[in-house]
């Protein structure tokens, strides 16, 4: 699943637990979401 929005991210986070996204998973996120994560906006 490609994560394009923070809503998608939250949904996956709820489903799998927030610990699941690490360096490997970052490639599934769109640049916009990735930027928000890195800037601590999520």
Protein backbone atom coordinates (compact mmCIF):
# COMPACT_ATOMS: atom_id res chain seq x y z
CA UNK A 1 0.00 0.00 0.00
CA UNK A 2 1.31 3.41 -0.94
CA UNK A 3 0.75 5.98 1.78
CA UNK A 4 -0.14 9.30 0.20
CA UNK A 5 -1.75 11.18 3.05
CA UNK A 6 -1.30 11.51 6.77
CA UNK A 7 -4.78 9.98 7.09
CA UNK A 8 -3.49 6.84 5.35
CA UNK A 9 -0.52 6.86 7.68
CA UNK A 10 -2.72 7.13 10.77
CA UNK A 11 -4.93 4.32 9.51
CA UNK A 12 -1.94 2.04 8.99
CA UNK A 13 -0.51 3.17 12.30
CA UNK A 14 -3.72 2.15 14.07
CA UNK A 15 -3.81 -1.13 12.20
CA UNK A 16 -0.20 -2.19 12.64
CA UNK A 17 1.12 -0.08 15.48
CA UNK A 18 3.20 3.02 14.95
CA UNK A 19 6.48 1.19 15.50
CA UNK A 20 6.17 -0.43 12.08
CA UNK A 21 7.45 2.48 10.01
CA UNK A 22 11.19 2.62 9.85
CA UNK A 23 13.66 3.33 7.10
CA UNK A 24 12.36 0.48 4.94
CA UNK A 25 8.78 1.64 5.14
CA UNK A 26 9.61 5.26 4.33
CA UNK A 27 9.84 4.35 0.66
CA UNK A 28 6.08 3.72 0.68
CA UNK A 29 5.28 7.26 1.74
CA UNK A 30 4.76 10.10 -0.67
CA UNK A 31 7.27 12.94 -0.40
CA UNK A 32 4.68 15.18 1.20
CA UNK A 33 3.97 12.74 4.02
CA UNK A 34 7.67 11.99 4.44
CA UNK A 35 8.41 15.70 4.84
CA UNK A 36 5.72 16.01 7.50
CA UNK A 37 7.15 13.06 9.41
CA UNK A 38 10.70 14.39 9.27
CA UNK A 39 9.58 17.84 10.35
CA UNK A 40 7.71 16.33 13.28
CA UNK A 41 4.34 17.47 12.01
CA UNK A 42 2.81 14.04 12.35
